[in-house]
Amino acid sequence: MRYINCTKDELVRFAKNRGLKLRTNAKRTEYAKALKKADQTLRFRFLDLPPEMRNKIYNELLIYEEYVGLPPSDSCDLSTNQQGGIFGPVSRQHHYGRSE
């Protein structure tokens, strides 16, 4: 975010919402620098999400119902990568690492 375009009131509110502690008479630029530094160290903690929410995300990312790849072949010419390449056709129907 470009804090340079924000008013001091907005920066104070952002800092308060982020739990940042600055001196009461801090300048606008000090708030902007503190917020920028906090942004650089911000991390999303996926495993802190409730299990139900994590499972919904896993389902969206790991379960596919479409077919990807080429039809099966009796032979595989690795030099030209025909008929599915090294692994042959790939089905994207996976559930947590298991093919279904």
N, C-alpha and C. Protein backbone atom coordinates (compact mmCIF):
# COMPACT_ATOMS: atom_id res chain seq x y z
N MET A 1 0.85 -1.18 0.00
CA MET A 1 0.00 0.00 0.00
C MET A 1 0.89 1.24 0.00
N ARG A 2 0.43 2.26 -0.64
CA ARG A 2 1.19 3.52 -0.70
C ARG A 2 0.69 4.44 0.42
N TYR A 3 1.34 4.35 1.55
CA TYR A 3 0.93 5.14 2.72
C TYR A 3 1.19 6.63 2.52
N ILE A 4 2.05 6.97 1.60
CA ILE A 4 2.40 8.37 1.37
C ILE A 4 1.17 9.19 0.95
N ASN A 5 0.18 8.53 0.35
CA ASN A 5 -1.03 9.22 -0.10
C ASN A 5 -2.11 9.31 0.96
N CYS A 6 -1.87 8.74 2.13
CA CYS A 6 -2.88 8.71 3.19
C CYS A 6 -2.75 9.92 4.12
N THR A 7 -3.86 10.28 4.72
CA THR A 7 -3.84 11.35 5.72
C THR A 7 -3.27 10.80 7.02
N LYS A 8 -2.89 11.69 7.92
CA LYS A 8 -2.36 11.24 9.20
C LYS A 8 -3.42 10.49 9.98
N ASP A 9 -4.67 10.95 9.94
CA ASP A 9 -5.75 10.25 10.64
C ASP A 9 -5.90 8.81 10.15
N GLU A 10 -5.80 8.64 8.84
CA GLU A 10 -5.89 7.28 8.28
C GLU A 10 -4.72 6.43 8.75
N LEU A 11 -3.53 7.00 8.73
CA LEU A 11 -2.34 6.27 9.17
C LEU A 11 -2.42 5.88 10.64
N VAL A 12 -2.92 6.80 11.46
CA VAL A 12 -3.09 6.51 12.90
C VAL A 12 -4.06 5.35 13.06
N ARG A 13 -5.16 5.37 12.32
CA ARG A 13 -6.16 4.30 12.41
C ARG A 13 -5.57 2.97 11.94
N PHE A 14 -4.81 2.99 10.82
CA PHE A 14 -4.18 1.76 10.33
C PHE A 14 -3.22 1.19 11.38
N ALA A 15 -2.41 2.08 11.96
CA ALA A 15 -1.43 1.64 12.96
C ALA A 15 -2.12 1.04 14.17
N LYS A 16 -3.19 1.68 14.61
CA LYS A 16 -3.95 1.18 15.77
C LYS A 16 -4.53 -0.19 15.45
N ASN A 17 -5.10 -0.35 14.26
CA ASN A 17 -5.68 -1.64 13.87
C ASN A 17 -4.64 -2.74 13.76
N ARG A 18 -3.42 -2.36 13.44
CA ARG A 18 -2.33 -3.34 13.33
C ARG A 18 -1.63 -3.58 14.66
N GLY A 19 -2.02 -2.84 15.69
CA GLY A 19 -1.41 -3.01 17.01
C GLY A 19 -0.04 -2.36 17.13
N LEU A 20 0.26 -1.39 16.27
CA LEU A 20 1.54 -0.71 16.32
C LEU A 20 1.49 0.40 17.37
N LYS A 21 2.57 0.53 18.10
CA LYS A 21 2.65 1.56 19.13
C LYS A 21 3.66 2.62 18.70
N LEU A 22 3.18 3.83 18.51
CA LEU A 22 4.05 4.96 18.20
C LEU A 22 3.79 6.05 19.23
N ARG A 23 4.73 6.93 19.37
CA ARG A 23 4.52 8.03 20.33
C ARG A 23 3.35 8.89 19.87
N THR A 24 2.67 9.51 20.78
CA THR A 24 1.43 10.24 20.47
C THR A 24 1.64 11.41 19.52
N ASN A 25 2.81 12.04 19.56
CA ASN A 25 3.04 13.18 18.68
C ASN A 25 3.89 12.80 17.46
N ALA A 26 3.83 11.52 17.05
CA ALA A 26 4.61 11.05 15.89
C ALA A 26 4.13 11.73 14.62
N LYS A 27 5.06 11.97 13.73
CA LYS A 27 4.72 12.61 12.45
C LYS A 27 4.10 11.59 11.49
N ARG A 28 3.46 12.14 10.49
CA ARG A 28 2.81 11.32 9.47
C ARG A 28 3.80 10.36 8.81
N THR A 29 5.01 10.86 8.53
CA THR A 29 6.02 10.02 7.89
C THR A 29 6.48 8.86 8.79
N GLU A 30 6.47 9.09 10.11
CA GLU A 30 6.84 8.02 11.04
C GLU A 30 5.80 6.91 11.01
N TYR A 31 4.52 7.30 10.94
CA TYR A 31 3.46 6.31 10.83
C TYR A 31 3.60 5.52 9.53
N ALA A 32 3.88 6.22 8.44
CA ALA A 32 4.02 5.56 7.14
C ALA A 32 5.18 4.58 7.16
N LYS A 33 6.31 4.97 7.75
CA LYS A 33 7.47 4.07 7.82
C LYS A 33 7.18 2.85 8.69
N ALA A 34 6.51 3.06 9.83
CA ALA A 34 6.19 1.95 10.73
C ALA A 34 5.23 0.97 10.05
N LEU A 35 4.25 1.49 9.32
CA LEU A 35 3.30 0.62 8.62
C LEU A 35 3.98 -0.15 7.49
N LYS A 36 4.87 0.52 6.77
CA LYS A 36 5.58 -0.15 5.68
C LYS A 36 6.46 -1.27 6.24
N LYS A 37 7.13 -1.01 7.35
CA LYS A 37 7.97 -2.04 7.97
C LYS A 37 7.11 -3.21 8.45
N ALA A 38 5.95 -2.91 9.02
CA ALA A 38 5.05 -3.97 9.47
C ALA A 38 4.55 -4.80 8.29
N ASP A 39 4.32 -4.17 7.16
CA ASP A 39 3.89 -4.89 5.95
C ASP A 39 4.96 -5.87 5.48
N GLN A 40 6.22 -5.49 5.60
CA GLN A 40 7.31 -6.33 5.13
C GLN A 40 7.50 -7.58 6.00
N THR A 41 7.09 -7.52 7.24
CA THR A 41 7.26 -8.66 8.14
C THR A 41 5.95 -9.43 8.33
N LEU A 42 4.90 -9.00 7.69
CA LEU A 42 3.59 -9.65 7.82
C LEU A 42 3.62 -11.03 7.17
N ARG A 43 3.12 -12.02 7.86
CA ARG A 43 3.04 -13.38 7.35
C ARG A 43 1.63 -13.92 7.57
N PHE A 44 1.16 -14.69 6.59
CA PHE A 44 -0.14 -15.34 6.72
C PHE A 44 0.08 -16.73 7.30
N ARG A 45 -0.61 -17.03 8.38
CA ARG A 45 -0.43 -18.31 9.07
C ARG A 45 -1.58 -19.25 8.73
N PHE A 46 -1.41 -20.00 7.64
CA PHE A 46 -2.46 -20.87 7.12
C PHE A 46 -2.93 -21.89 8.16
N LEU A 47 -2.01 -22.47 8.89
CA LEU A 47 -2.38 -23.51 9.85
C LEU A 47 -3.12 -22.97 11.06
N ASP A 48 -3.19 -21.65 11.21
CA ASP A 48 -3.98 -21.07 12.29
C ASP A 48 -5.46 -20.95 11.91
N LEU A 49 -5.79 -21.19 10.64
CA LEU A 49 -7.18 -21.17 10.23
C LEU A 49 -7.91 -22.37 10.83
N PRO A 50 -9.21 -22.25 11.05
CA PRO A 50 -9.97 -23.41 11.55
C PRO A 50 -9.89 -24.56 10.54
N PRO A 51 -9.90 -25.80 11.02
CA PRO A 51 -9.79 -26.96 10.12
C PRO A 51 -10.82 -26.96 9.00
N GLU A 52 -12.03 -26.53 9.31
CA GLU A 52 -13.09 -26.53 8.29
C GLU A 52 -12.73 -25.61 7.13
N MET A 53 -12.16 -24.47 7.44
CA MET A 53 -11.77 -23.52 6.40
C MET A 53 -10.59 -24.04 5.59
N ARG A 54 -9.62 -24.65 6.28
CA ARG A 54 -8.48 -25.24 5.57
C ARG A 54 -8.95 -26.33 4.63
N ASN A 55 -9.90 -27.16 5.07
CA ASN A 55 -10.41 -28.24 4.21
C ASN A 55 -11.11 -27.68 2.97
N LYS A 56 -11.83 -26.58 3.12
CA LYS A 56 -12.46 -25.96 1.95
C LYS A 56 -11.40 -25.49 0.95
N ILE A 57 -10.32 -24.93 1.47
CA ILE A 57 -9.24 -24.47 0.60
C ILE A 57 -8.57 -25.67 -0.07
N TYR A 58 -8.31 -26.72 0.69
CA TYR A 58 -7.72 -27.93 0.11
C TYR A 58 -8.61 -28.46 -1.01
N ASN A 59 -9.91 -28.52 -0.78
CA ASN A 59 -10.84 -29.02 -1.80
C ASN A 59 -10.79 -28.17 -3.06
N GLU A 60 -10.70 -26.87 -2.92
CA GLU A 60 -10.63 -26.00 -4.09
C GLU A 60 -9.33 -26.16 -4.85
N LEU A 61 -8.24 -26.40 -4.13
CA LEU A 61 -6.93 -26.47 -4.77
C LEU A 61 -6.53 -27.86 -5.23
N LEU A 62 -7.03 -28.91 -4.58
CA LEU A 62 -6.51 -30.24 -4.84
C LEU A 62 -7.48 -31.19 -5.52
N ILE A 63 -8.73 -30.84 -5.68
CA ILE A 63 -9.69 -31.73 -6.30
C ILE A 63 -10.12 -31.14 -7.63
N TYR A 64 -9.84 -31.89 -8.70
CA TYR A 64 -10.20 -31.45 -10.04
C TYR A 64 -11.06 -32.53 -10.67
N GLU A 65 -12.01 -32.14 -11.44
CA GLU A 65 -12.89 -33.11 -12.07
C GLU A 65 -12.70 -33.16 -13.57
N GLU A 66 -11.71 -32.49 -14.08
CA GLU A 66 -11.49 -32.49 -15.51
C GLU A 66 -10.30 -33.38 -15.85
N TYR A 67 -10.22 -33.81 -17.08
CA TYR A 67 -9.14 -34.66 -17.54
C TYR A 67 -8.09 -33.79 -18.22
N VAL A 68 -6.86 -34.00 -17.87
CA VAL A 68 -5.76 -33.27 -18.49
C VAL A 68 -4.76 -34.29 -19.00
N GLY A 69 -4.30 -34.12 -20.21
CA GLY A 69 -3.31 -35.02 -20.77
C GLY A 69 -3.78 -35.57 -22.10
N LEU A 70 -3.01 -36.50 -22.61
CA LEU A 70 -3.33 -37.12 -23.89
C LEU A 70 -3.88 -38.52 -23.65
N PRO A 71 -4.60 -39.07 -24.62
CA PRO A 71 -5.12 -40.43 -24.44
C PRO A 71 -3.99 -41.43 -24.28
N PRO A 72 -4.27 -42.56 -23.62
CA PRO A 72 -3.22 -43.57 -23.40
C PRO A 72 -2.64 -44.07 -24.72
N SER A 73 -1.41 -44.52 -24.67
CA SER A 73 -0.73 -45.03 -25.86
C SER A 73 -0.01 -46.32 -25.48
N ASP A 74 0.17 -47.18 -26.47
CA ASP A 74 0.91 -48.42 -26.24
C ASP A 74 2.40 -48.17 -26.13
N SER A 75 2.86 -47.09 -26.76
CA SER A 75 4.29 -46.79 -26.71
C SER A 75 4.49 -45.33 -26.34
N CYS A 76 5.66 -45.06 -25.83
CA CYS A 76 5.98 -43.69 -25.44
C CYS A 76 7.35 -43.35 -25.99
N ASP A 77 7.39 -42.44 -26.93
CA ASP A 77 8.65 -42.01 -27.52
C ASP A 77 9.14 -40.79 -26.75
N LEU A 78 10.08 -40.99 -25.83
CA LEU A 78 10.55 -39.91 -24.97
C LEU A 78 11.27 -38.82 -25.75
N SER A 79 11.84 -39.16 -26.90
CA SER A 79 12.58 -38.15 -27.65
C SER A 79 11.66 -37.09 -28.22
N THR A 80 10.40 -37.47 -28.54
CA THR A 80 9.46 -36.48 -29.08
C THR A 80 8.35 -36.16 -28.09
N ASN A 81 8.37 -36.83 -26.91
CA ASN A 81 7.40 -36.59 -25.85
C ASN A 81 5.96 -36.76 -26.36
N GLN A 82 5.73 -37.86 -27.10
CA GLN A 82 4.40 -38.11 -27.65
C GLN A 82 3.53 -38.87 -26.67
N GLN A 83 2.25 -38.75 -26.85
CA GLN A 83 1.25 -39.52 -26.10
C GLN A 83 1.43 -39.42 -24.59
N GLY A 84 1.57 -38.23 -24.08
CA GLY A 84 1.58 -38.05 -22.64
C GLY A 84 2.94 -37.99 -22.01
N GLY A 85 3.99 -38.06 -22.78
CA GLY A 85 5.32 -37.91 -22.22
C GLY A 85 5.72 -39.06 -21.33
N ILE A 86 6.59 -38.81 -20.41
CA ILE A 86 7.15 -39.83 -19.53
C ILE A 86 6.07 -40.51 -18.69
N PHE A 87 5.13 -39.74 -18.18
CA PHE A 87 4.14 -40.27 -17.25
C PHE A 87 2.84 -40.69 -17.91
N GLY A 88 2.71 -40.47 -19.20
CA GLY A 88 1.47 -40.80 -19.88
C GLY A 88 0.39 -39.80 -19.53
N PRO A 89 -0.87 -40.15 -19.77
CA PRO A 89 -1.95 -39.21 -19.50
C PRO A 89 -2.05 -38.92 -18.01
N VAL A 90 -2.46 -37.75 -17.69
CA VAL A 90 -2.56 -37.32 -16.30
C VAL A 90 -4.01 -37.00 -15.98
N SER A 91 -4.53 -37.62 -14.98
CA SER A 91 -5.87 -37.28 -14.51
C SER A 91 -5.72 -36.34 -13.34
N ARG A 92 -6.45 -35.24 -13.35
CA ARG A 92 -6.34 -34.27 -12.26
C ARG A 92 -7.34 -34.54 -11.17
N GLN A 93 -7.93 -35.74 -11.15
CA GLN A 93 -8.88 -36.10 -10.10
C GLN A 93 -8.08 -36.65 -8.93
N HIS A 94 -7.67 -35.78 -8.05
CA HIS A 94 -6.88 -36.17 -6.88
C HIS A 94 -7.58 -35.68 -5.63
N HIS A 95 -7.39 -36.41 -4.57
CA HIS A 95 -7.93 -36.00 -3.28
C HIS A 95 -6.84 -36.18 -2.26
N TYR A 96 -6.22 -35.09 -1.85
CA TYR A 96 -5.15 -35.11 -0.86
C TYR A 96 -4.06 -36.11 -1.23
N GLY A 97 -3.67 -36.10 -2.50
CA GLY A 97 -2.57 -36.92 -2.93
C GLY A 97 -2.96 -38.31 -3.41
N ARG A 98 -4.23 -38.72 -3.24
CA ARG A 98 -4.68 -40.03 -3.70
C ARG A 98 -5.42 -39.88 -5.02
N SER A 99 -5.12 -40.75 -5.98
CA SER A 99 -5.89 -40.76 -7.22
C SER A 99 -7.21 -41.45 -6.95
N GLU A 100 -8.24 -40.95 -7.59
CA GLU A 100 -9.55 -41.57 -7.40
C GLU A 100 -10.08 -42.07 -8.71
